[in-house]
PDB file of N, CA and C in Angstrom:
ATOM      1  N   UNK A   1      25.612  16.696   7.127  1.00  0.00           N
ATOM      2  CA  UNK A   1      24.684  15.684   7.530  1.00  0.00           C
ATOM      3  C   UNK A   1      24.377  14.696   6.406  1.00  0.00           C
ATOM      4  N   UNK A   2      24.700  15.091   5.191  1.00  0.00           N
ATOM      5  CA  UNK A   2      24.455  14.192   4.064  1.00  0.00           C
ATOM      6  C   UNK A   2      25.209  12.881   4.271  1.00  0.00           C
ATOM      7  N   UNK A   3      26.470  12.967   4.710  1.00  0.00           N
ATOM      8  CA  UNK A   3      27.261  11.762   4.954  1.00  0.00           C
ATOM      9  C   UNK A   3      26.573  10.872   5.988  1.00  0.00           C
ATOM     10  N   UNK A   4      26.113  11.463   7.076  1.00  0.00           N
ATOM     11  CA  UNK A   4      25.450  10.689   8.119  1.00  0.00           C
ATOM     12  C   UNK A   4      24.194  10.006   7.576  1.00  0.00           C
ATOM     13  N   UNK A   5      23.325  10.760   6.931  1.00  0.00           N
ATOM     14  CA  UNK A   5      22.062  10.197   6.440  1.00  0.00           C
ATOM     15  C   UNK A   5      22.325   9.133   5.384  1.00  0.00           C
ATOM     16  N   UNK A   6      23.240   9.391   4.459  1.00  0.00           N
ATOM     17  CA  UNK A   6      23.578   8.386   3.445  1.00  0.00           C
ATOM     18  C   UNK A   6      24.050   7.082   4.085  1.00  0.00           C
ATOM     19  N   UNK A   7      24.948   7.198   5.043  1.00  0.00           N
ATOM     20  CA  UNK A   7      25.462   5.995   5.714  1.00  0.00           C
ATOM     21  C   UNK A   7      24.345   5.252   6.441  1.00  0.00           C
ATOM     22  N   UNK A   8      23.502   5.991   7.127  1.00  0.00           N
ATOM     23  CA  UNK A   8      22.455   5.355   7.916  1.00  0.00           C
ATOM     24  C   UNK A   8      21.370   4.738   7.040  1.00  0.00           C
ATOM     25  N   UNK A   9      21.121   5.320   5.870  1.00  0.00           N
ATOM     26  CA  UNK A   9      20.124   4.748   4.962  1.00  0.00           C
ATOM     27  C   UNK A   9      20.580   3.403   4.391  1.00  0.00           C
ATOM     28  N   UNK A  10      21.855   3.123   4.470  1.00  0.00           N
ATOM     29  CA  UNK A  10      22.359   1.821   4.041  1.00  0.00           C
ATOM     30  C   UNK A  10      22.376   0.811   5.182  1.00  0.00           C
ATOM     31  N   UNK A  11      22.113   1.286   6.387  1.00  0.00           N
ATOM     32  CA  UNK A  11      22.156   0.409   7.557  1.00  0.00           C
ATOM     33  C   UNK A  11      20.917   0.564   8.420  1.00  0.00           C
ATOM     34  N   UNK A  12      21.117   1.205   9.544  1.00  0.00           N
ATOM     35  CA  UNK A  12      20.086   1.327  10.574  1.00  0.00           C
ATOM     36  C   UNK A  12      18.771   1.940  10.075  1.00  0.00           C
ATOM     37  N   UNK A  13      18.847   2.891   9.185  1.00  0.00           N
ATOM     38  CA  UNK A  13      17.638   3.585   8.693  1.00  0.00           C
ATOM     39  C   UNK A  13      17.178   3.068   7.326  1.00  0.00           C
ATOM     40  N   UNK A  14      17.597   1.869   6.980  1.00  0.00           N
ATOM     41  CA  UNK A  14      17.298   1.300   5.656  1.00  0.00           C
ATOM     42  C   UNK A  14      15.797   1.340   5.340  1.00  0.00           C
ATOM     43  N   UNK A  15      14.975   1.188   6.359  1.00  0.00           N
ATOM     44  CA  UNK A  15      13.521   1.175   6.143  1.00  0.00           C
ATOM     45  C   UNK A  15      12.987   2.512   5.604  1.00  0.00           C
ATOM     46  N   UNK A  16      13.807   3.568   5.655  1.00  0.00           N
ATOM     47  CA  UNK A  16      13.376   4.893   5.180  1.00  0.00           C
ATOM     48  C   UNK A  16      13.841   5.212   3.761  1.00  0.00           C
ATOM     49  N   UNK A  17      14.504   4.254   3.096  1.00  0.00           N
ATOM     50  CA  UNK A  17      15.024   4.523   1.751  1.00  0.00           C
ATOM     51  C   UNK A  17      13.917   4.970   0.799  1.00  0.00           C
ATOM     52  N   UNK A  18      12.798   4.276   0.788  1.00  0.00           N
ATOM     53  CA  UNK A  18      11.708   4.628  -0.125  1.00  0.00           C
ATOM     54  C   UNK A  18      11.166   6.017   0.194  1.00  0.00           C
ATOM     55  N   UNK A  19      11.036   6.340   1.464  1.00  0.00           N
ATOM     56  CA  UNK A  19      10.550   7.665   1.860  1.00  0.00           C
ATOM     57  C   UNK A  19      11.479   8.753   1.333  1.00  0.00           C
ATOM     58  N   UNK A  20      12.793   8.528   1.411  1.00  0.00           N
ATOM     59  CA  UNK A  20      13.748   9.516   0.901  1.00  0.00           C
ATOM     60  C   UNK A  20      13.689   9.610  -0.623  1.00  0.00           C
ATOM     61  N   UNK A  21      13.622   8.469  -1.295  1.00  0.00           N
ATOM     62  CA  UNK A  21      13.555   8.502  -2.765  1.00  0.00           C
ATOM     63  C   UNK A  21      12.335   9.293  -3.223  1.00  0.00           C
ATOM     64  N   UNK A  22      11.173   8.956  -2.687  1.00  0.00           N
ATOM     65  CA  UNK A  22       9.945   9.644  -3.088  1.00  0.00           C
ATOM     66  C   UNK A  22       9.933  11.083  -2.595  1.00  0.00           C
ATOM     67  N   UNK A  23      10.397  11.302  -1.380  1.00  0.00           N
ATOM     68  CA  UNK A  23      10.402  12.650  -0.817  1.00  0.00           C
ATOM     69  C   UNK A  23      11.286  13.611  -1.595  1.00  0.00           C
ATOM     70  N   UNK A  24      12.459  13.152  -2.014  1.00  0.00           N
ATOM     71  CA  UNK A  24      13.344  14.026  -2.784  1.00  0.00           C
ATOM     72  C   UNK A  24      12.761  14.342  -4.155  1.00  0.00           C
ATOM     73  N   UNK A  25      12.062  13.378  -4.746  1.00  0.00           N
ATOM     74  CA  UNK A  25      11.339  13.659  -6.001  1.00  0.00           C
ATOM     75  C   UNK A  25      10.267  14.707  -5.727  1.00  0.00           C
ATOM     76  N   UNK A  26       9.560  14.555  -4.609  1.00  0.00           N
ATOM     77  CA  UNK A  26       8.522  15.516  -4.233  1.00  0.00           C
ATOM     78  C   UNK A  26       9.070  16.913  -4.001  1.00  0.00           C
ATOM     79  N   UNK A  27      10.241  17.010  -3.392  1.00  0.00           N
ATOM     80  CA  UNK A  27      10.870  18.323  -3.177  1.00  0.00           C
ATOM     81  C   UNK A  27      11.126  18.992  -4.517  1.00  0.00           C
ATOM     82  N   UNK A  28      11.635  18.241  -5.494  1.00  0.00           N
ATOM     83  CA  UNK A  28      11.870  18.816  -6.823  1.00  0.00           C
ATOM     84  C   UNK A  28      10.552  19.174  -7.507  1.00  0.00           C
ATOM     85  N   UNK A  29       9.508  18.360  -7.334  1.00  0.00           N
ATOM     86  CA  UNK A  29       8.204  18.692  -7.911  1.00  0.00           C
ATOM     87  C   UNK A  29       7.671  19.991  -7.312  1.00  0.00           C
ATOM     88  N   UNK A  30       7.799  20.150  -6.013  1.00  0.00           N
ATOM     89  CA  UNK A  30       7.355  21.385  -5.356  1.00  0.00           C
ATOM     90  C   UNK A  30       8.164  22.570  -5.853  1.00  0.00           C
ATOM     91  N   UNK A  31       9.471  22.379  -5.945  1.00  0.00           N
ATOM     92  CA  UNK A  31      10.345  23.443  -6.419  1.00  0.00           C
ATOM     93  C   UNK A  31       9.990  23.857  -7.848  1.00  0.00           C
ATOM     94  N   UNK A  32       9.747  22.862  -8.704  1.00  0.00           N
ATOM     95  CA  UNK A  32       9.357  23.150 -10.099  1.00  0.00           C
ATOM     96  C   UNK A  32       8.037  23.916 -10.130  1.00  0.00           C
ATOM     97  N   UNK A  33       7.073  23.479  -9.311  1.00  0.00           N
ATOM     98  CA  UNK A  33       5.754  24.131  -9.306  1.00  0.00           C
ATOM     99  C   UNK A  33       5.832  25.574  -8.804  1.00  0.00           C
ATOM    100  N   UNK A  34       6.662  25.817  -7.813  1.00  0.00           N
ATOM    101  CA  UNK A  34       6.746  27.159  -7.222  1.00  0.00           C
ATOM    102  C   UNK A  34       7.729  28.077  -7.925  1.00  0.00           C
ATOM    103  N   UNK A  35       8.773  27.496  -8.547  1.00  0.00           N
ATOM    104  CA  UNK A  35       9.866  28.323  -9.079  1.00  0.00           C
ATOM    105  C   UNK A  35      10.290  27.989 -10.500  1.00  0.00           C
ATOM    106  N   UNK A  36       9.799  26.885 -11.055  1.00  0.00           N
ATOM    107  CA  UNK A  36      10.195  26.483 -12.397  1.00  0.00           C
ATOM    108  C   UNK A  36      11.612  25.943 -12.485  1.00  0.00           C
ATOM    109  N   UNK A  37      12.192  25.578 -11.324  1.00  0.00           N
ATOM    110  CA  UNK A  37      13.559  25.060 -11.278  1.00  0.00           C
ATOM    111  C   UNK A  37      13.649  23.948 -10.242  1.00  0.00           C
ATOM    112  N   UNK A  38      14.662  23.079 -10.433  1.00  0.00           N
ATOM    113  CA  UNK A  38      14.908  22.043  -9.427  1.00  0.00           C
ATOM    114  C   UNK A  38      15.406  22.682  -8.137  1.00  0.00           C
ATOM    115  N   UNK A  39      15.166  22.016  -7.029  1.00  0.00           N
ATOM    116  CA  UNK A  39      15.517  22.550  -5.716  1.00  0.00           C
ATOM    117  C   UNK A  39      16.992  22.927  -5.621  1.00  0.00           C
ATOM    118  N   UNK A  40      17.880  22.059  -6.081  1.00  0.00           N
ATOM    119  CA  UNK A  40      19.325  22.305  -5.980  1.00  0.00           C
ATOM    120  C   UNK A  40      19.774  23.517  -6.790  1.00  0.00           C
ATOM    121  N   UNK A  41      18.981  23.927  -7.789  1.00  0.00           N
ATOM    122  CA  UNK A  41      19.337  25.068  -8.629  1.00  0.00           C
ATOM    123  C   UNK A  41      18.874  26.401  -8.038  1.00  0.00           C
ATOM    124  N   UNK A  42      18.044  26.347  -7.006  1.00  0.00           N
ATOM    125  CA  UNK A  42      17.475  27.562  -6.428  1.00  0.00           C
ATOM    126  C   UNK A  42      18.457  28.286  -5.525  1.00  0.00           C
ATOM    127  N   UNK A  43      18.351  29.610  -5.448  1.00  0.00           N
ATOM    128  CA  UNK A  43      19.134  30.336  -4.446  1.00  0.00           C
ATOM    129  C   UNK A  43      18.569  30.010  -3.050  1.00  0.00           C
ATOM    130  N   UNK A  44      19.375  30.176  -2.026  1.00  0.00           N
ATOM    131  CA  UNK A  44      18.959  29.789  -0.670  1.00  0.00           C
ATOM    132  C   UNK A  44      17.613  30.359  -0.220  1.00  0.00           C
ATOM    133  N   UNK A  45      17.328  31.606  -0.542  1.00  0.00           N
ATOM    134  CA  UNK A  45      16.065  32.207  -0.079  1.00  0.00           C
ATOM    135  C   UNK A  45      14.843  31.513  -0.702  1.00  0.00           C
ATOM    136  N   UNK A  46      14.976  31.037  -1.937  1.00  0.00           N
ATOM    137  CA  UNK A  46      13.872  30.316  -2.575  1.00  0.00           C
ATOM    138  C   UNK A  46      13.796  28.867  -2.077  1.00  0.00           C
ATOM    139  N   UNK A  47      14.939  28.301  -1.730  1.00  0.00           N
ATOM    140  CA  UNK A  47      14.923  26.974  -1.114  1.00  0.00           C
ATOM    141  C   UNK A  47      14.147  27.010   0.202  1.00  0.00           C
ATOM    142  N   UNK A  48      14.319  28.089   0.952  1.00  0.00           N
ATOM    143  CA  UNK A  48      13.586  28.225   2.216  1.00  0.00           C
ATOM    144  C   UNK A  48      12.082  28.273   1.994  1.00  0.00           C
ATOM    145  N   UNK A  49      11.640  28.880   0.910  1.00  0.00           N
ATOM    146  CA  UNK A  49      10.209  28.933   0.591  1.00  0.00           C
ATOM    147  C   UNK A  49       9.680  27.522   0.323  1.00  0.00           C
ATOM    148  N   UNK A  50      10.446  26.730  -0.408  1.00  0.00           N
ATOM    149  CA  UNK A  50      10.050  25.347  -0.688  1.00  0.00           C
ATOM    150  C   UNK A  50       9.975  24.555   0.620  1.00  0.00           C
ATOM    151  N   UNK A  51      10.984  24.694   1.455  1.00  0.00           N
ATOM    152  CA  UNK A  51      10.996  23.969   2.722  1.00  0.00           C
ATOM    153  C   UNK A  51       9.842  24.403   3.623  1.00  0.00           C
ATOM    154  N   UNK A  52       9.511  25.680   3.605  1.00  0.00           N
ATOM    155  CA  UNK A  52       8.376  26.167   4.399  1.00  0.00           C
ATOM    156  C   UNK A  52       7.065  25.545   3.911  1.00  0.00           C
ATOM    157  N   UNK A  53       6.922  25.377   2.608  1.00  0.00           N
ATOM    158  CA  UNK A  53       5.717  24.737   2.062  1.00  0.00           C
ATOM    159  C   UNK A  53       5.620  23.284   2.526  1.00  0.00           C
ATOM    160  N   UNK A  54       6.751  22.590   2.562  1.00  0.00           N
ATOM    161  CA  UNK A  54       6.765  21.219   3.068  1.00  0.00           C
ATOM    162  C   UNK A  54       6.366  21.198   4.543  1.00  0.00           C
ATOM    163  N   UNK A  55       6.990  22.067   5.311  1.00  0.00           N
ATOM    164  CA  UNK A  55       6.735  22.091   6.752  1.00  0.00           C
ATOM    165  C   UNK A  55       5.273  22.405   7.077  1.00  0.00           C
ATOM    166  N   UNK A  56       4.647  23.253   6.275  1.00  0.00           N
ATOM    167  CA  UNK A  56       3.239  23.629   6.492  1.00  0.00           C
ATOM    168  C   UNK A  56       2.268  22.618   5.898  1.00  0.00           C
ATOM    169  N   UNK A  57       2.809  21.574   5.254  1.00  0.00           N
ATOM    170  CA  UNK A  57       1.978  20.548   4.602  1.00  0.00           C
ATOM    171  C   UNK A  57       1.171  21.128   3.443  1.00  0.00           C
ATOM    172  N   UNK A  58       1.743  22.131   2.776  1.00  0.00           N
ATOM    173  CA  UNK A  58       1.062  22.832   1.680  1.00  0.00           C
ATOM    174  C   UNK A  58       1.882  22.786   0.389  1.00  0.00           C
ATOM    175  N   UNK A  59       2.633  21.715   0.192  1.00  0.00           N
ATOM    176  CA  UNK A  59       3.522  21.616  -0.961  1.00  0.00           C
ATOM    177  C   UNK A  59       2.808  21.002  -2.152  1.00  0.00           C
ATOM    178  N   UNK A  60       2.879  21.676  -3.320  1.00  0.00           N
ATOM    179  CA  UNK A  60       2.319  21.060  -4.526  1.00  0.00           C
ATOM    180  C   UNK A  60       3.239  19.964  -5.054  1.00  0.00           C
ATOM    181  N   UNK A  61       2.660  19.011  -5.753  1.00  0.00           N
ATOM    182  CA  UNK A  61       3.427  17.924  -6.362  1.00  0.00           C
ATOM    183  C   UNK A  61       2.681  16.609  -6.251  1.00  0.00           C
ATOM    184  N   UNK A  62       2.807  15.785  -7.279  1.00  0.00           N
ATOM    185  CA  UNK A  62       2.101  14.504  -7.315  1.00  0.00           C
ATOM    186  C   UNK A  62       2.506  13.561  -6.182  1.00  0.00           C
ATOM    187  N   UNK A  63       3.785  13.584  -5.803  1.00  0.00           N
ATOM    188  CA  UNK A  63       4.244  12.699  -4.724  1.00  0.00           C
ATOM    189  C   UNK A  63       3.455  12.956  -3.453  1.00  0.00           C
ATOM    190  N   UNK A  64       3.107  14.216  -3.215  1.00  0.00           N
ATOM    191  CA  UNK A  64       2.446  14.587  -1.965  1.00  0.00           C
ATOM    192  C   UNK A  64       0.981  14.150  -1.920  1.00  0.00           C
ATOM    193  N   UNK A  65       0.490  13.585  -3.010  1.00  0.00           N
ATOM    194  CA  UNK A  65      -0.855  12.991  -2.980  1.00  0.00           C
ATOM    195  C   UNK A  65      -0.812  11.628  -2.288  1.00  0.00           C
ATOM    196  N   UNK A  66       0.387  11.005  -2.255  1.00  0.00           N
ATOM    197  CA  UNK A  66       0.557   9.681  -1.634  1.00  0.00           C
ATOM    198  C   UNK A  66       1.300   9.752  -0.306  1.00  0.00           C
ATOM    199  N   UNK A  67       2.023  10.805  -0.091  1.00  0.00           N
ATOM    200  CA  UNK A  67       2.898  10.932   1.082  1.00  0.00           C
ATOM    201  C   UNK A  67       2.794  12.356   1.611  1.00  0.00           C
ATOM    202  N   UNK A  68       2.755  12.506   2.890  1.00  0.00           N
ATOM    203  CA  UNK A  68       2.640  13.833   3.501  1.00  0.00           C
ATOM    204  C   UNK A  68       3.962  14.592   3.412  1.00  0.00           C
ATOM    205  N   UNK A  69       3.947  15.819   2.873  1.00  0.00           N
ATOM    206  CA  UNK A  69       5.188  16.596   2.840  1.00  0.00           C
ATOM    207  C   UNK A  69       5.680  16.936   4.248  1.00  0.00           C
ATOM    208  N   UNK A  70       4.770  17.168   5.178  1.00  0.00           N
ATOM    209  CA  UNK A  70       5.146  17.490   6.562  1.00  0.00           C
ATOM    210  C   UNK A  70       5.838  16.299   7.222  1.00  0.00           C
ATOM    211  N   UNK A  71       5.320  15.100   6.991  1.00  0.00           N
ATOM    212  CA  UNK A  71       5.942  13.902   7.570  1.00  0.00           C
ATOM    213  C   UNK A  71       7.350  13.721   7.006  1.00  0.00           C
ATOM    214  N   UNK A  72       7.531  13.939   5.703  1.00  0.00           N
ATOM    215  CA  UNK A  72       8.865  13.832   5.109  1.00  0.00           C
ATOM    216  C   UNK A  72       9.782  14.915   5.670  1.00  0.00           C
ATOM    217  N   UNK A  73       9.305  16.130   5.756  1.00  0.00           N
ATOM    218  CA  UNK A  73      10.089  17.234   6.311  1.00  0.00           C
ATOM    219  C   UNK A  73      10.554  16.880   7.728  1.00  0.00           C
ATOM    220  N   UNK A  74       9.632  16.411   8.552  1.00  0.00           N
ATOM    221  CA  UNK A  74       9.971  16.051   9.933  1.00  0.00           C
ATOM    222  C   UNK A  74      10.987  14.912   9.992  1.00  0.00           C
ATOM    223  N   UNK A  75      10.863  13.951   9.089  1.00  0.00           N
ATOM    224  CA  UNK A  75      11.802  12.832   9.033  1.00  0.00           C
ATOM    225  C   UNK A  75      13.221  13.339   8.758  1.00  0.00           C
ATOM    226  N   UNK A  76      13.346  14.212   7.772  1.00  0.00           N
ATOM    227  CA  UNK A  76      14.665  14.747   7.420  1.00  0.00           C
ATOM    228  C   UNK A  76      15.226  15.593   8.569  1.00  0.00           C
ATOM    229  N   UNK A  77      14.398  16.412   9.196  1.00  0.00           N
ATOM    230  CA  UNK A  77      14.860  17.220  10.333  1.00  0.00           C
ATOM    231  C   UNK A  77      15.328  16.308  11.464  1.00  0.00           C
ATOM    232  N   UNK A  78      14.555  15.284  11.762  1.00  0.00           N
ATOM    233  CA  UNK A  78      14.913  14.349  12.822  1.00  0.00           C
ATOM    234  C   UNK A  78      16.256  13.684  12.535  1.00  0.00           C
ATOM    235  N   UNK A  79      16.439  13.192  11.320  1.00  0.00           N
ATOM    236  CA  UNK A  79      17.690  12.523  10.979  1.00  0.00           C
ATOM    237  C   UNK A  79      18.862  13.509  10.960  1.00  0.00           C
ATOM    238  N   UNK A  80      18.613  14.737  10.556  1.00  0.00           N
ATOM    239  CA  UNK A  80      19.662  15.764  10.571  1.00  0.00           C
ATOM    240  C   UNK A  80      20.102  16.047  12.001  1.00  0.00           C
ATOM    241  N   UNK A  81      19.142  16.140  12.906  1.00  0.00           N
ATOM    242  CA  UNK A  81      19.483  16.389  14.312  1.00  0.00           C
ATOM    243  C   UNK A  81      20.237  15.205  14.915  1.00  0.00           C
ATOM    244  N   UNK A  82      19.841  13.987  14.555  1.00  0.00           N
ATOM    245  CA  UNK A  82      20.562  12.806  15.036  1.00  0.00           C
ATOM    246  C   UNK A  82      22.020  12.868  14.595  1.00  0.00           C
ATOM    247  N   UNK A  83      22.234  13.230  13.346  1.00  0.00           N
ATOM    248  CA  UNK A  83      23.593  13.324  12.827  1.00  0.00           C
ATOM    249  C   UNK A  83      24.380  14.460  13.446  1.00  0.00           C
ATOM    250  N   UNK A  84      23.732  15.577  13.688  1.00  0.00           N
ATOM    251  CA  UNK A  84      24.423  16.757  14.208  1.00  0.00           C
ATOM    252  C   UNK A  84      24.816  16.592  15.669  1.00  0.00           C
ATOM    253  N   UNK A  85      23.930  15.995  16.452  1.00  0.00           N
ATOM    254  CA  UNK A  85      24.188  15.881  17.884  1.00  0.00           C
ATOM    255  C   UNK A  85      24.688  14.498  18.308  1.00  0.00           C
ATOM    256  N   UNK A  86      24.682  13.532  17.409  1.00  0.00           N
ATOM    257  CA  UNK A  86      25.073  12.174  17.764  1.00  0.00           C
ATOM    258  C   UNK A  86      26.573  11.966  17.829  1.00  0.00           C
ATOM    259  N   UNK A  87      26.940  10.739  18.043  1.00  0.00           N
ATOM    260  CA  UNK A  87      28.343  10.373  18.146  1.00  0.00           C
ATOM    261  C   UNK A  87      28.979  10.396  16.751  1.00  0.00           C
ATOM    262  N   UNK A  88      30.147  11.022  16.603  1.00  0.00           N
ATOM    263  CA  UNK A  88      30.811  11.087  15.299  1.00  0.00           C
ATOM    264  C   UNK A  88      31.077   9.713  14.671  1.00  0.00           C
ATOM    265  N   UNK A  89      31.173   8.674  15.470  1.00  0.00           N
ATOM    266  CA  UNK A  89      31.454   7.353  14.910  1.00  0.00           C
ATOM    267  C   UNK A  89      30.331   6.850  14.018  1.00  0.00           C
ATOM    268  N   UNK A  90      29.182   7.520  14.043  1.00  0.00           N
ATOM    269  CA  UNK A  90      28.062   7.130  13.186  1.00  0.00           C
ATOM    270  C   UNK A  90      28.018   7.917  11.871  1.00  0.00           C
ATOM    271  N   UNK A  91      28.959   8.835  11.678  1.00  0.00           N
ATOM    272  CA  UNK A  91      29.063   9.533  10.408  1.00  0.00           C
ATOM    273  C   UNK A  91      28.660  10.994  10.430  1.00  0.00           C
ATOM    274  N   UNK A  92      28.195  11.490  11.541  1.00  0.00           N
ATOM    275  CA  UNK A  92      27.831  12.905  11.649  1.00  0.00           C
ATOM    276  C   UNK A  92      28.693  13.587  12.705  1.00  0.00           C
ATOM    277  N   UNK A  93      28.314  14.802  13.081  1.00  0.00           N
ATOM    278  CA  UNK A  93      28.967  15.533  14.168  1.00  0.00           C
ATOM    279  C   UNK A  93      30.490  15.433  14.084  1.00  0.00           C
ATOM    280  N   UNK A  94      31.019  15.821  12.949  1.00  0.00           N
ATOM    281  CA  UNK A  94      32.460  15.701  12.678  1.00  0.00           C
ATOM    282  C   UNK A  94      33.282  16.309  13.811  1.00  0.00           C
ATOM    283  N   UNK A  95      34.175  15.493  14.336  1.00  0.00           N
ATOM    284  CA  UNK A  95      35.088  15.885  15.420  1.00  0.00           C
ATOM    285  C   UNK A  95      34.345  16.415  16.643  1.00  0.00           C
ATOM    286  N   UNK A  96      33.084  15.991  16.826  1.00  0.00           N
ATOM    287  CA  UNK A  96      32.298  16.419  17.986  1.00  0.00           C
ATOM    288  C   UNK A  96      31.983  17.906  17.982  1.00  0.00           C
ATOM    289  N   UNK A  97      31.860  18.497  16.798  1.00  0.00           N
ATOM    290  CA  UNK A  97      31.663  19.953  16.679  1.00  0.00           C
ATOM    291  C   UNK A  97      30.469  20.456  17.485  1.00  0.00           C
ATOM    292  N   UNK A  98      29.336  19.736  17.437  1.00  0.00           N
ATOM    293  CA  UNK A  98      28.167  20.231  18.175  1.00  0.00           C
ATOM    294  C   UNK A  98      28.386  20.100  19.675  1.00  0.00           C
ATOM    295  N   UNK A  99      29.091  19.069  20.108  1.00  0.00           N
ATOM    296  CA  UNK A  99      29.374  18.925  21.538  1.00  0.00           C
ATOM    297  C   UNK A  99      30.267  20.067  22.010  1.00  0.00           C
ATOM    298  N   UNK A 100      31.267  20.413  21.200  1.00  0.00           N
ATOM    299  CA  UNK A 100      32.159  21.530  21.545  1.00  0.00           C
ATOM    300  C   UNK A 100      31.378  22.831  21.599  1.00  0.00           C
ATOM    301  N   UNK A 101      30.480  23.028  20.614  1.00  0.00           N
ATOM    302  CA  UNK A 101      29.677  24.243  20.563  1.00  0.00           C
ATOM    303  C   UNK A 101      28.835  24.393  21.837  1.00  0.00           C
ATOM    304  N   UNK A 102      28.315  23.271  22.338  1.00  0.00           N
ATOM    305  CA  UNK A 102      27.472  23.281  23.536  1.00  0.00           C
ATOM    306  C   UNK A 102      28.282  23.205  24.829  1.00  0.00           C
ATOM    307  N   UNK A 103      29.598  23.035  24.702  1.00  0.00           N
ATOM    308  CA  UNK A 103      30.458  22.940  25.873  1.00  0.00           C
ATOM    309  C   UNK A 103      30.349  21.606  26.582  1.00  0.00           C
ATOM    310  N   UNK A 104      29.983  20.560  25.854  1.00  0.00           N
ATOM    311  CA  UNK A 104      29.853  19.235  26.450  1.00  0.00           C
ATOM    312  C   UNK A 104      31.159  18.471  26.312  1.00  0.00           C
ATOM    313  N   UNK A 105      31.506  17.711  27.355  1.00  0.00           N
ATOM    314  CA  UNK A 105      32.689  16.850  27.217  1.00  0.00           C
ATOM    315  C   UNK A 105      32.346  15.682  26.307  1.00  0.00           C
ATOM    316  N   UNK A 106      33.370  15.007  25.846  1.00  0.00           N
ATOM    317  CA  UNK A 106      33.156  13.809  25.043  1.00  0.00           C
ATOM    318  C   UNK A 106      32.373  12.832  25.910  1.00  0.00           C
ATOM    319  N   UNK A 107      31.143  12.488  25.523  1.00  0.00           N
ATOM    320  CA  UNK A 107      30.309  11.689  26.432  1.00  0.00           C
ATOM    321  C   UNK A 107      30.825  10.262  26.598  1.00  0.00           C
ATOM    322  N   UNK A 108      30.861   9.807  27.847  1.00  0.00           N
ATOM    323  CA  UNK A 108      31.310   8.434  28.079  1.00  0.00           C
ATOM    324  C   UNK A 108      30.236   7.436  27.665  1.00  0.00           C
ATOM    325  N   UNK A 109      30.667   6.330  27.109  1.00  0.00           N
ATOM    326  CA  UNK A 109      29.755   5.256  26.731  1.00  0.00           C
ATOM    327  C   UNK A 109      30.290   3.992  27.384  1.00  0.00           C
ATOM    328  N   UNK A 110      29.407   3.267  28.039  1.00  0.00           N
ATOM    329  CA  UNK A 110      29.806   2.046  28.745  1.00  0.00           C
ATOM    330  C   UNK A 110      30.593   1.125  27.814  1.00  0.00           C
ATOM    331  N   UNK A 111      31.713   0.630  28.323  1.00  0.00           N
ATOM    332  CA  UNK A 111      32.522  -0.302  27.556  1.00  0.00           C
ATOM    333  C   UNK A 111      33.547   0.366  26.649  1.00  0.00           C
ATOM    334  N   UNK A 112      33.505   1.683  26.557  1.00  0.00           N
ATOM    335  CA  UNK A 112      34.422   2.365  25.650  1.00  0.00           C
ATOM    336  C   UNK A 112      35.641   2.920  26.368  1.00  0.00           C
ATOM    337  N   UNK A 113      35.685   2.809  27.697  1.00  0.00           N
ATOM    338  CA  UNK A 113      36.757   3.414  28.464  1.00  0.00           C
ATOM    339  C   UNK A 113      38.139   2.953  27.993  1.00  0.00           C
ATOM    340  N   UNK A 114      38.267   1.668  27.664  1.00  0.00           N
ATOM    341  CA  UNK A 114      39.574   1.175  27.217  1.00  0.00           C
ATOM    342  C   UNK A 114      40.038   1.892  25.956  1.00  0.00           C
ATOM    343  N   UNK A 115      39.099   2.296  25.088  1.00  0.00           N
ATOM    344  CA  UNK A 115      39.461   3.005  23.866  1.00  0.00           C
ATOM    345  C   UNK A 115      39.745   4.474  24.154  1.00  0.00           C
ATOM    346  N   UNK A 116      38.983   5.051  25.078  1.00  0.00           N
ATOM    347  CA  UNK A 116      39.192   6.456  25.435  1.00  0.00           C
ATOM    348  C   UNK A 116      40.570   6.671  26.055  1.00  0.00           C
ATOM    349  N   UNK A 117      41.031   5.704  26.865  1.00  0.00           N
ATOM    350  CA  UNK A 117      42.336   5.837  27.490  1.00  0.00           C
ATOM    351  C   UNK A 117      43.457   5.810  26.454  1.00  0.00           C
ATOM    352  N   UNK A 118      43.250   5.081  25.376  1.00  0.00           N
ATOM    353  CA  UNK A 118      44.267   4.966  24.326  1.00  0.00           C
ATOM    354  C   UNK A 118      44.193   6.114  23.320  1.00  0.00           C
ATOM    355  N   UNK A 119      43.093   6.887  23.347  1.00  0.00           N
ATOM    356  CA  UNK A 119      42.880   7.959  22.370  1.00  0.00           C
ATOM    357  C   UNK A 119      43.750   9.168  22.715  1.00  0.00           C
ATOM    358  N   UNK A 120      44.506   9.694  21.736  1.00  0.00           N
ATOM    359  CA  UNK A 120      45.315  10.884  22.005  1.00  0.00           C
ATOM    360  C   UNK A 120      44.425  12.096  22.229  1.00  0.00           C
ATOM    361  N   UNK A 121      44.854  12.968  23.114  1.00  0.00           N
ATOM    362  CA  UNK A 121      44.074  14.182  23.428  1.00  0.00           C
ATOM    363  C   UNK A 121      44.313  15.264  22.428  1.00  0.00           C
TER     364      UNK A 121
END
């Protein structure tokens, strides 16, 4: 989903760039406060503790005095879901993996039929 979010932050979701910049700093501040390490350096089980603090709106860190950790958490979850379940042409859902997992056919989009007919199966 990183590819999807990165691409969208340069285009359609450009208005969220500041939220991501500050939010990612806040995630590291929370991680440092709870574990003495940056988020990326933590083992997965400790990363989950940091994420739970964000989700509960109980994350320590100076950034969270200006911005809600829960709102940032929800923003990232929302964008992750958009990338996971959306059309692969937007940079997420590689090869329609989530559609295949759910047993959904490649969804038709108005005006795309001419391209679908030319697409190899």
